[in-house]
């Protein structure tokens, strides 16, 4: 009897020891599993176990490692996606099924003209302020179909925007979200208009001398050649028109090369004062005919490094324009001075001036402020466009200041040392 009781006690004691040695590792493993379910993937099982329990511990650790790696990859992908969206030039906005803004990128704020990130959590209507865009968004909600159109914004400034509204699934089944994509195409449309205007104007400018040459040659062939005086007069006109055509074609070709930066530059040291004086000699006869004064103000004796012939081409165009568009007894003044690391050349006149609403367009190809007077002056309409690109090829920039009836000043800034 005593032996039976001792055996029972011993058995119970051994069972408790074995149970404890098995139960504790299992409890530890369960705690690790609960931590993993709470997305704490760095937790590992570190207890001591034997047999199948030890294998279970290793398996749970392998699972934890796999989940941690997958989570890290997801975090990195989210970060990459976030950086990508934030650096897009396309505006991106995410709207949930309740019309609430959930996410926007910086480009959207630029396009809409306000800090839309402050409106996250509010209705999209507070951000868009455009009937056209709001209508597209509502149509996307109603039809659950992608919407695309060009939208005109009038506030805070005029813009043309390519808008795409894309329905996507939300987090919950049946939930509908929208991605709003906006791309500012204002500059693209402007360039398209410039290109169209260029083709139209170029066709017109080329047609005028060609028509004159055709007309005069036909008249001569019809018998006018017998009259020596008429023949001489017509040939002089034809020579002038062919020269004009030659100038126009050469200007178009040069402008094309300048736009593509294909014009070779001969870099040398240039004395700006000497360059201005030599340019004065080219227009002196025309200025004397109009009894005009040509003055140079040298605030600084400057030398720059650049292409001398291209600089003289810039000066010749600007100074010649100043002489042409200034009345008799007027004055043209060229000022040379230094500002920081730039040489500044100001070409000023007291001529007819340029209307303020046209000053932004004077560097466009074939654009003329006074169309009749410009053609009578013998210009091709490309001079200022060529000047602009020449200045840019020399790593500088040009601006204009003008008052109608008081005169015009062109300001050229060129780096004293090239880049």
Protein backbone atom coordinates (compact mmCIF):
# COMPACT_ATOMS: atom_id res chain seq x y z
CA UNK A 1 0.00 0.00 0.00
CA UNK A 2 2.75 2.40 0.93
CA UNK A 3 4.59 1.53 -2.24
CA UNK A 4 1.47 2.25 -4.29
CA UNK A 5 1.07 5.69 -2.72
CA UNK A 6 4.74 6.52 -3.29
CA UNK A 7 4.48 5.35 -6.87
CA UNK A 8 1.42 7.57 -7.40
CA UNK A 9 3.14 10.58 -5.88
CA UNK A 10 6.27 9.98 -7.94
CA UNK A 11 4.23 9.58 -11.11
CA UNK A 12 2.31 12.77 -10.40
CA UNK A 13 5.53 14.67 -9.70
CA UNK A 14 7.16 13.45 -12.90
CA UNK A 15 4.00 14.29 -14.88
CA UNK A 16 4.01 17.84 -13.48
CA UNK A 17 7.66 18.29 -14.39
CA UNK A 18 7.12 16.99 -17.92
CA UNK A 19 3.93 19.06 -18.34
CA UNK A 20 5.69 22.20 -17.15
CA UNK A 21 8.63 21.61 -19.47
CA UNK A 22 6.20 21.23 -22.39
CA UNK A 23 3.60 23.84 -21.41
CA UNK A 24 6.02 26.74 -20.84
CA UNK A 25 7.60 26.60 -24.28
CA UNK A 26 4.13 26.31 -25.84
CA UNK A 27 2.96 29.34 -23.85
CA UNK A 28 6.07 31.25 -24.97
CA UNK A 29 5.37 30.28 -28.57
CA UNK A 30 1.74 31.43 -28.20
CA UNK A 31 2.95 34.80 -26.89
CA UNK A 32 5.21 35.17 -29.95
CA UNK A 33 2.25 34.29 -32.23
CA UNK A 34 0.09 36.93 -30.50
CA UNK A 35 2.86 39.51 -30.98
CA UNK A 36 3.03 38.66 -34.68
CA UNK A 37 -0.74 39.11 -34.95
CA UNK A 38 -0.21 42.59 -33.46
CA UNK A 39 2.33 43.32 -36.27
CA UNK A 40 5.32 43.22 -33.91
CA UNK A 41 7.42 41.21 -36.31
CA UNK A 42 10.71 41.71 -34.47
CA UNK A 43 9.68 39.29 -31.63
CA UNK A 44 11.30 35.82 -31.61
CA UNK A 45 10.95 32.61 -29.55
CA UNK A 46 14.10 32.15 -27.43
CA UNK A 47 13.06 29.41 -24.97
CA UNK A 48 14.46 25.92 -24.54
CA UNK A 49 12.38 23.03 -25.84
CA UNK A 50 12.77 19.49 -27.10
CA UNK A 51 11.48 17.45 -29.97
CA UNK A 52 8.37 18.65 -31.77
CA UNK A 53 8.03 21.72 -29.50
CA UNK A 54 11.53 22.88 -30.48
CA UNK A 55 10.60 22.35 -34.15
CA UNK A 56 7.47 24.43 -33.58
CA UNK A 57 9.57 27.22 -32.06
CA UNK A 58 11.90 27.24 -35.06
CA UNK A 59 8.91 27.33 -37.41
CA UNK A 60 7.35 30.29 -35.60
CA UNK A 61 10.70 32.12 -35.75
CA UNK A 62 10.96 31.42 -39.50
CA UNK A 63 7.45 32.81 -39.89
CA UNK A 64 8.37 35.92 -37.89
CA UNK A 65 11.47 36.49 -40.05
CA UNK A 66 9.45 36.10 -43.25
CA UNK A 67 6.74 38.48 -42.04
CA UNK A 68 9.36 41.04 -40.95
CA UNK A 69 11.04 40.94 -44.37
CA UNK A 70 7.71 41.23 -46.17
CA UNK A 71 6.67 44.12 -43.95
CA UNK A 72 9.99 45.89 -44.57
CA UNK A 73 9.51 45.46 -48.31
CA UNK A 74 5.99 46.88 -48.06
CA UNK A 75 7.26 49.86 -46.07
CA UNK A 76 10.00 50.50 -48.63
CA UNK A 77 7.51 50.22 -51.51
CA UNK A 78 5.16 52.64 -49.75
CA UNK A 79 8.05 55.06 -49.27
CA UNK A 80 9.08 54.79 -52.93
CA UNK A 81 5.48 55.31 -54.04
CA UNK A 82 5.16 58.31 -51.71
CA UNK A 83 8.35 59.87 -53.09
CA UNK A 84 7.26 59.16 -56.66
CA UNK A 85 3.84 60.76 -56.19
CA UNK A 86 5.35 63.77 -54.42
CA UNK A 87 7.81 64.39 -57.27
CA UNK A 88 5.32 64.01 -60.12
CA UNK A 89 4.56 67.12 -62.19
CA UNK A 90 1.02 65.76 -62.43
CA UNK A 91 -1.33 66.76 -59.62
CA UNK A 92 -2.69 63.73 -57.72
CA UNK A 93 -5.67 63.70 -55.32
CA UNK A 94 -7.35 60.69 -53.68
CA UNK A 95 -11.05 61.08 -52.74
CA UNK A 96 -13.04 58.51 -50.77
CA UNK A 97 -16.67 57.49 -51.27
CA UNK A 98 -17.84 60.33 -49.00
CA UNK A 99 -16.16 62.96 -51.28
CA UNK A 100 -13.46 63.52 -48.65
CA UNK A 101 -9.86 64.26 -49.64
CA UNK A 102 -7.58 61.52 -48.33
CA UNK A 103 -4.29 62.43 -50.03
CA UNK A 104 -2.78 65.10 -52.31
CA UNK A 105 0.70 65.74 -53.71
CA UNK A 106 2.55 69.08 -53.98
CA UNK A 107 1.91 69.36 -57.74
CA UNK A 108 -1.83 69.48 -57.09
CA UNK A 109 -1.33 72.49 -54.80
CA UNK A 110 0.67 74.25 -57.53
CA UNK A 111 -1.99 73.61 -60.17
CA UNK A 112 -4.90 74.65 -57.95
CA UNK A 113 -3.03 77.69 -56.64
CA UNK A 114 -3.35 76.92 -52.92
CA UNK A 115 -1.97 74.55 -50.29
CA UNK A 116 -4.45 71.70 -50.73
CA UNK A 117 -2.60 69.56 -48.17
CA UNK A 118 -4.29 71.68 -45.51
CA UNK A 119 -7.66 70.47 -46.83
CA UNK A 120 -7.03 66.75 -46.33
CA UNK A 121 -10.08 65.48 -44.43
CA UNK A 122 -12.37 68.06 -46.04
CA UNK A 123 -14.67 67.87 -49.05
CA UNK A 124 -12.97 68.05 -52.46
CA UNK A 125 -15.30 70.95 -53.36
CA UNK A 126 -13.28 73.21 -51.04
CA UNK A 127 -10.15 72.51 -53.10
CA UNK A 128 -11.35 72.46 -56.71
CA UNK A 129 -13.40 75.69 -57.00
CA UNK A 130 -14.11 74.72 -60.61
CA UNK A 131 -17.54 73.76 -61.92
CA UNK A 132 -16.03 71.81 -64.81
CA UNK A 133 -13.80 69.70 -62.55
CA UNK A 134 -16.54 69.15 -59.94
CA UNK A 135 -18.89 68.03 -62.71
CA UNK A 136 -16.35 65.49 -63.97
CA UNK A 137 -15.82 64.11 -60.45
CA UNK A 138 -19.56 63.68 -59.88
CA UNK A 139 -19.96 61.98 -63.27
CA UNK A 140 -17.19 59.53 -62.31
CA UNK A 141 -19.02 58.74 -59.05
CA UNK A 142 -22.36 58.25 -60.81
CA UNK A 143 -21.15 56.20 -63.79
CA UNK A 144 -18.15 54.55 -62.12
CA UNK A 145 -16.25 55.28 -65.34
CA UNK A 146 -13.03 57.15 -66.10
CA UNK A 147 -13.55 60.77 -67.16
CA UNK A 148 -11.15 62.84 -69.28
CA UNK A 149 -11.39 66.42 -70.52
CA UNK A 150 -9.60 69.76 -70.75
CA UNK A 151 -10.65 72.15 -68.00
CA UNK A 152 -10.16 75.92 -67.95
CA UNK A 153 -9.25 77.47 -64.60
CA UNK A 154 -9.85 81.20 -64.20
CA UNK A 155 -8.77 81.52 -60.57
CA UNK A 156 -6.26 82.36 -59.16
CA UNK A 157 -4.94 82.70 -62.75
CA UNK A 158 -5.91 81.40 -66.16
CA UNK A 159 -4.83 77.82 -66.80
CA UNK A 160 -5.66 74.99 -69.16
CA UNK A 161 -5.58 71.63 -67.39
CA UNK A 162 -5.87 68.09 -68.72
CA UNK A 163 -8.06 66.33 -66.13
CA UNK A 164 -8.39 62.56 -65.65
CA UNK A 165 -10.73 61.09 -63.02
CA UNK A 166 -10.11 57.38 -62.37
CA UNK A 167 -12.46 55.24 -60.18
CA UNK A 168 -10.69 52.67 -57.97
CA UNK A 169 -11.82 50.20 -55.31
CA UNK A 170 -11.66 51.31 -51.69
CA UNK A 171 -10.45 49.37 -48.66
CA UNK A 172 -13.86 47.81 -48.04
CA UNK A 173 -15.76 45.67 -50.58
CA UNK A 174 -18.08 47.85 -52.70
CA UNK A 175 -16.40 51.08 -51.56
CA UNK A 176 -15.66 53.51 -54.41
CA UNK A 177 -12.73 55.93 -54.36
CA UNK A 178 -11.51 58.31 -57.04
CA UNK A 179 -8.03 59.38 -58.14
CA UNK A 180 -8.01 62.89 -59.65
CA UNK A 181 -5.08 63.55 -62.01
CA UNK A 182 -4.44 67.11 -63.26
CA UNK A 183 -1.74 68.15 -65.73
CA UNK A 184 -1.11 71.82 -66.53
CA UNK A 185 -0.99 72.07 -70.35
CA UNK A 186 -1.16 75.88 -70.54
CA UNK A 187 2.40 76.17 -71.86
CA UNK A 188 1.85 73.33 -74.35
CA UNK A 189 -1.21 75.08 -75.80
CA UNK A 190 0.69 78.38 -75.93
CA UNK A 191 3.57 76.76 -77.82
CA UNK A 192 1.12 75.14 -80.21
CA UNK A 193 -0.34 78.56 -80.94
CA UNK A 194 3.15 80.02 -81.41
CA UNK A 195 3.95 77.23 -83.86
CA UNK A 196 0.69 77.79 -85.76
CA UNK A 197 1.30 81.55 -85.85
CA UNK A 198 4.86 80.94 -87.05
CA UNK A 199 3.71 78.76 -89.95
CA UNK A 200 1.01 81.30 -90.89
CA UNK A 201 3.34 84.28 -90.67
CA UNK A 202 6.23 82.54 -92.39
CA UNK A 203 3.94 81.53 -95.26
CA UNK A 204 2.74 85.12 -95.57
CA UNK A 205 6.23 86.61 -95.40
CA UNK A 206 7.56 84.15 -97.99
CA UNK A 207 4.57 84.60 -100.26
CA UNK A 208 4.93 88.39 -100.50
CA UNK A 209 8.34 88.53 -102.28
CA UNK A 210 7.58 85.40 -104.30
CA UNK A 211 4.34 86.96 -105.57
CA UNK A 212 6.20 90.17 -106.46
CA UNK A 213 8.91 88.27 -108.34
CA UNK A 214 6.31 86.20 -110.21
CA UNK A 215 4.23 89.25 -111.11
CA UNK A 216 7.11 91.39 -112.37
CA UNK A 217 8.69 88.53 -114.32
CA UNK A 218 5.36 87.75 -116.03
CA UNK A 219 4.94 91.43 -116.93
CA UNK A 220 8.44 91.55 -118.40
CA UNK A 221 7.81 88.40 -120.43
CA UNK A 222 4.58 89.91 -121.75
CA UNK A 223 6.58 92.60 -123.51
CA UNK A 224 7.64 95.14 -120.88
CA UNK A 225 11.29 94.26 -121.53
CA UNK A 226 11.19 96.39 -124.66
CA UNK A 227 10.94 99.52 -122.49
CA UNK A 228 14.45 99.98 -121.09
CA UNK A 229 13.31 102.30 -118.29
CA UNK A 230 10.54 99.94 -117.16
CA UNK A 231 12.93 96.99 -117.46
CA UNK A 232 15.48 98.68 -115.20
CA UNK A 233 12.79 99.68 -112.68
CA UNK A 234 11.33 96.15 -112.56
CA UNK A 235 14.73 94.49 -112.25
CA UNK A 236 15.62 96.76 -109.32
CA UNK A 237 12.35 95.81 -107.61
CA UNK A 238 12.95 92.12 -108.32
CA UNK A 239 16.48 92.39 -106.90
CA UNK A 240 15.14 94.04 -103.76
CA UNK A 241 12.43 91.39 -103.32
CA UNK A 242 14.86 88.53 -103.96
CA UNK A 243 17.26 90.05 -101.41
CA UNK A 244 14.41 90.29 -98.92
CA UNK A 245 13.55 86.64 -99.60
CA UNK A 246 17.20 85.68 -99.12
CA UNK A 247 17.38 87.59 -95.81
CA UNK A 248 14.16 85.94 -94.63
CA UNK A 249 15.29 82.40 -95.46
CA UNK A 250 18.70 82.99 -93.85
CA UNK A 251 17.07 84.40 -90.72
CA UNK A 252 14.74 81.40 -90.45
CA UNK A 253 17.65 78.98 -90.83
CA UNK A 254 19.76 80.86 -88.29
CA UNK A 255 16.90 81.02 -85.81
CA UNK A 256 16.42 77.28 -86.14
CA UNK A 257 20.11 76.68 -85.41
CA UNK A 258 20.06 79.07 -82.44
CA UNK A 259 17.02 77.36 -80.93
CA UNK A 260 18.83 74.04 -81.06
CA UNK A 261 22.10 75.61 -79.85
CA UNK A 262 23.89 74.44 -82.99
CA UNK A 263 25.66 77.75 -83.64
CA UNK A 264 29.43 77.46 -83.02
CA UNK A 265 30.88 80.22 -80.82
CA UNK A 266 34.37 81.65 -81.20
CA UNK A 267 35.31 82.50 -77.62
CA UNK A 268 37.57 85.53 -77.18
CA UNK A 269 38.02 88.58 -74.96
CA UNK A 270 35.74 91.46 -75.97
CA UNK A 271 35.96 95.14 -75.10
CA UNK A 272 32.31 96.18 -74.78
CA UNK A 273 32.97 99.87 -75.43
CA UNK A 274 34.79 99.10 -78.67
CA UNK A 275 31.99 96.72 -79.73
CA UNK A 276 29.36 99.46 -79.22
CA UNK A 277 31.43 102.10 -81.04
CA UNK A 278 31.97 99.80 -84.04
CA UNK A 279 28.23 99.11 -84.12
CA UNK A 280 27.50 102.85 -84.09
CA UNK A 281 29.50 103.09 -87.34
CA UNK A 282 27.08 100.68 -89.02
CA UNK A 283 24.00 102.80 -88.25
CA UNK A 284 25.65 106.24 -88.35
CA UNK A 285 24.45 107.07 -91.87
CA UNK A 286 20.84 106.20 -91.04
CA UNK A 287 21.06 108.15 -87.76
CA UNK A 288 22.58 111.19 -89.54
CA UNK A 289 19.74 111.16 -92.07
CA UNK A 290 17.31 111.49 -89.17
CA UNK A 291 19.55 113.98 -87.32
CA UNK A 292 19.76 111.64 -84.35
CA UNK A 293 22.35 111.47 -81.57
CA UNK A 294 24.17 108.25 -80.72
CA UNK A 295 25.58 108.31 -77.18
CA UNK A 296 27.53 105.82 -75.10
CA UNK A 297 27.72 105.95 -71.30
CA UNK A 298 30.55 103.85 -69.93
CA UNK A 299 30.04 103.46 -66.19
CA UNK A 300 32.59 100.63 -66.11
CA UNK A 301 35.33 99.71 -68.56
CA UNK A 302 34.33 96.09 -69.10
CA UNK A 303 35.80 93.13 -70.92
CA UNK A 304 33.81 89.91 -71.28
CA UNK A 305 34.64 86.51 -72.71
CA UNK A 306 32.37 85.52 -75.58
CA UNK A 307 31.82 85.55 -79.35
CA UNK A 308 32.57 89.03 -80.69
CA UNK A 309 30.63 88.63 -83.95
CA UNK A 310 27.52 87.37 -82.14
CA UNK A 311 27.69 90.22 -79.63
CA UNK A 312 27.96 92.76 -82.45
CA UNK A 313 24.98 91.09 -84.13
CA UNK A 314 22.96 91.62 -80.94
CA UNK A 315 24.04 95.24 -80.63
CA UNK A 316 23.45 95.96 -84.34
CA UNK A 317 19.89 94.68 -84.18
CA UNK A 318 18.97 96.55 -81.00
CA UNK A 319 20.65 99.84 -81.99
CA UNK A 320 19.26 99.70 -85.54
CA UNK A 321 15.74 99.11 -84.16
CA UNK A 322 16.21 102.07 -81.82
CA UNK A 323 17.15 104.30 -84.79
CA UNK A 324 14.30 103.03 -86.99
CA UNK A 325 11.57 103.47 -84.37
CA UNK A 326 12.71 106.86 -83.05
CA UNK A 327 11.50 110.09 -84.64
CA UNK A 328 13.84 112.63 -86.25
CA UNK A 329 16.17 114.52 -83.88
CA UNK A 330 15.75 111.70 -81.36
CA UNK A 331 18.44 110.07 -79.29
CA UNK A 332 19.81 106.56 -78.80
CA UNK A 333 21.88 105.84 -75.71
CA UNK A 334 23.91 102.75 -74.84
CA UNK A 335 24.95 102.28 -71.20
CA UNK A 336 27.63 99.81 -70.09
CA UNK A 337 28.01 98.85 -66.43
CA UNK A 338 28.74 95.94 -64.13
CA UNK A 339 26.25 94.24 -61.80
CA UNK A 340 27.72 91.45 -59.68
CA UNK A 341 29.32 89.03 -62.18
CA UNK A 342 27.34 90.31 -65.14
CA UNK A 343 28.03 92.93 -67.78
CA UNK A 344 24.89 94.99 -68.35
CA UNK A 345 24.24 96.67 -71.70
CA UNK A 346 21.24 99.01 -71.90
CA UNK A 347 20.07 100.24 -75.31
CA UNK A 348 17.63 103.13 -74.78
CA UNK A 349 15.76 105.45 -77.12
CA UNK A 350 13.12 108.17 -76.81
CA UNK A 351 11.06 106.81 -79.68
CA UNK A 352 7.49 105.59 -80.11
CA UNK A 353 7.63 102.98 -77.34
CA UNK A 354 5.85 99.63 -77.07
CA UNK A 355 2.35 99.14 -75.58
CA UNK A 356 2.53 97.33 -72.24
CA UNK A 357 0.18 94.54 -73.33
CA UNK A 358 2.47 93.68 -76.27
CA UNK A 359 5.83 93.70 -74.48
CA UNK A 360 5.62 90.00 -73.58
CA UNK A 361 5.30 89.06 -77.26
CA UNK A 362 7.96 91.15 -78.98
CA UNK A 363 10.49 88.29 -78.90
CA UNK A 364 8.09 85.95 -80.74
CA UNK A 365 8.94 85.10 -84.33
CA UNK A 366 7.34 87.45 -86.88
CA UNK A 367 5.53 89.40 -84.19
CA UNK A 368 5.28 93.08 -85.08
CA UNK A 369 3.95 95.87 -82.88
CA UNK A 370 3.43 98.26 -85.80
CA UNK A 371 2.99 95.86 -88.71
CA UNK A 372 2.91 98.41 -91.55
CA UNK A 373 5.90 100.36 -90.25
CA UNK A 374 7.89 97.20 -89.55
CA UNK A 375 7.54 95.95 -93.12
CA UNK A 376 8.40 99.36 -94.54
CA UNK A 377 11.59 99.33 -92.48
CA UNK A 378 12.76 96.29 -94.45
CA UNK A 379 12.95 93.91 -91.48
CA UNK A 380 12.02 90.24 -91.58
CA UNK A 381 10.21 90.20 -88.23
CA UNK A 382 12.74 87.76 -86.81
CA UNK A 383 15.36 90.18 -85.49
CA UNK A 384 14.37 90.22 -81.82
CA UNK A 385 13.78 86.46 -81.80
CA UNK A 386 17.33 85.99 -83.09
CA UNK A 387 18.64 88.46 -80.50
CA UNK A 388 16.91 86.56 -77.69
CA UNK A 389 18.42 83.22 -78.71
CA UNK A 390 21.84 84.75 -79.32
CA UNK A 391 21.83 86.19 -75.80
CA UNK A 392 20.76 82.82 -74.38
CA UNK A 393 23.52 81.09 -76.38
CA UNK A 394 25.95 83.44 -74.63
CA UNK A 395 24.44 82.33 -71.25
CA UNK A 396 22.75 85.69 -70.71
CA UNK A 397 19.21 87.03 -70.76
CA UNK A 398 17.37 90.03 -72.18
CA UNK A 399 14.44 92.09 -70.89
CA UNK A 400 12.57 95.16 -72.11
CA UNK A 401 11.15 98.25 -70.42
CA UNK A 402 8.98 100.65 -72.40
CA UNK A 403 6.41 103.42 -72.12
CA UNK A 404 4.21 104.21 -75.09
CA UNK A 405 5.28 107.52 -76.63
CA UNK A 406 8.28 107.91 -74.30
CA UNK A 407 10.75 105.32 -75.50
CA UNK A 408 12.13 101.83 -74.97
CA UNK A 409 15.08 100.27 -73.15
CA UNK A 410 16.41 96.79 -73.90
CA UNK A 411 18.56 95.37 -71.10
CA UNK A 412 21.08 92.65 -71.96
CA UNK A 413 22.93 90.86 -69.16
CA UNK A 414 25.89 88.67 -70.05
CA UNK A 415 28.23 86.79 -67.71
CA UNK A 416 31.67 88.33 -67.61
CA UNK A 417 33.13 84.82 -67.62
CA UNK A 418 31.31 82.07 -69.60
CA UNK A 419 29.98 78.97 -67.88
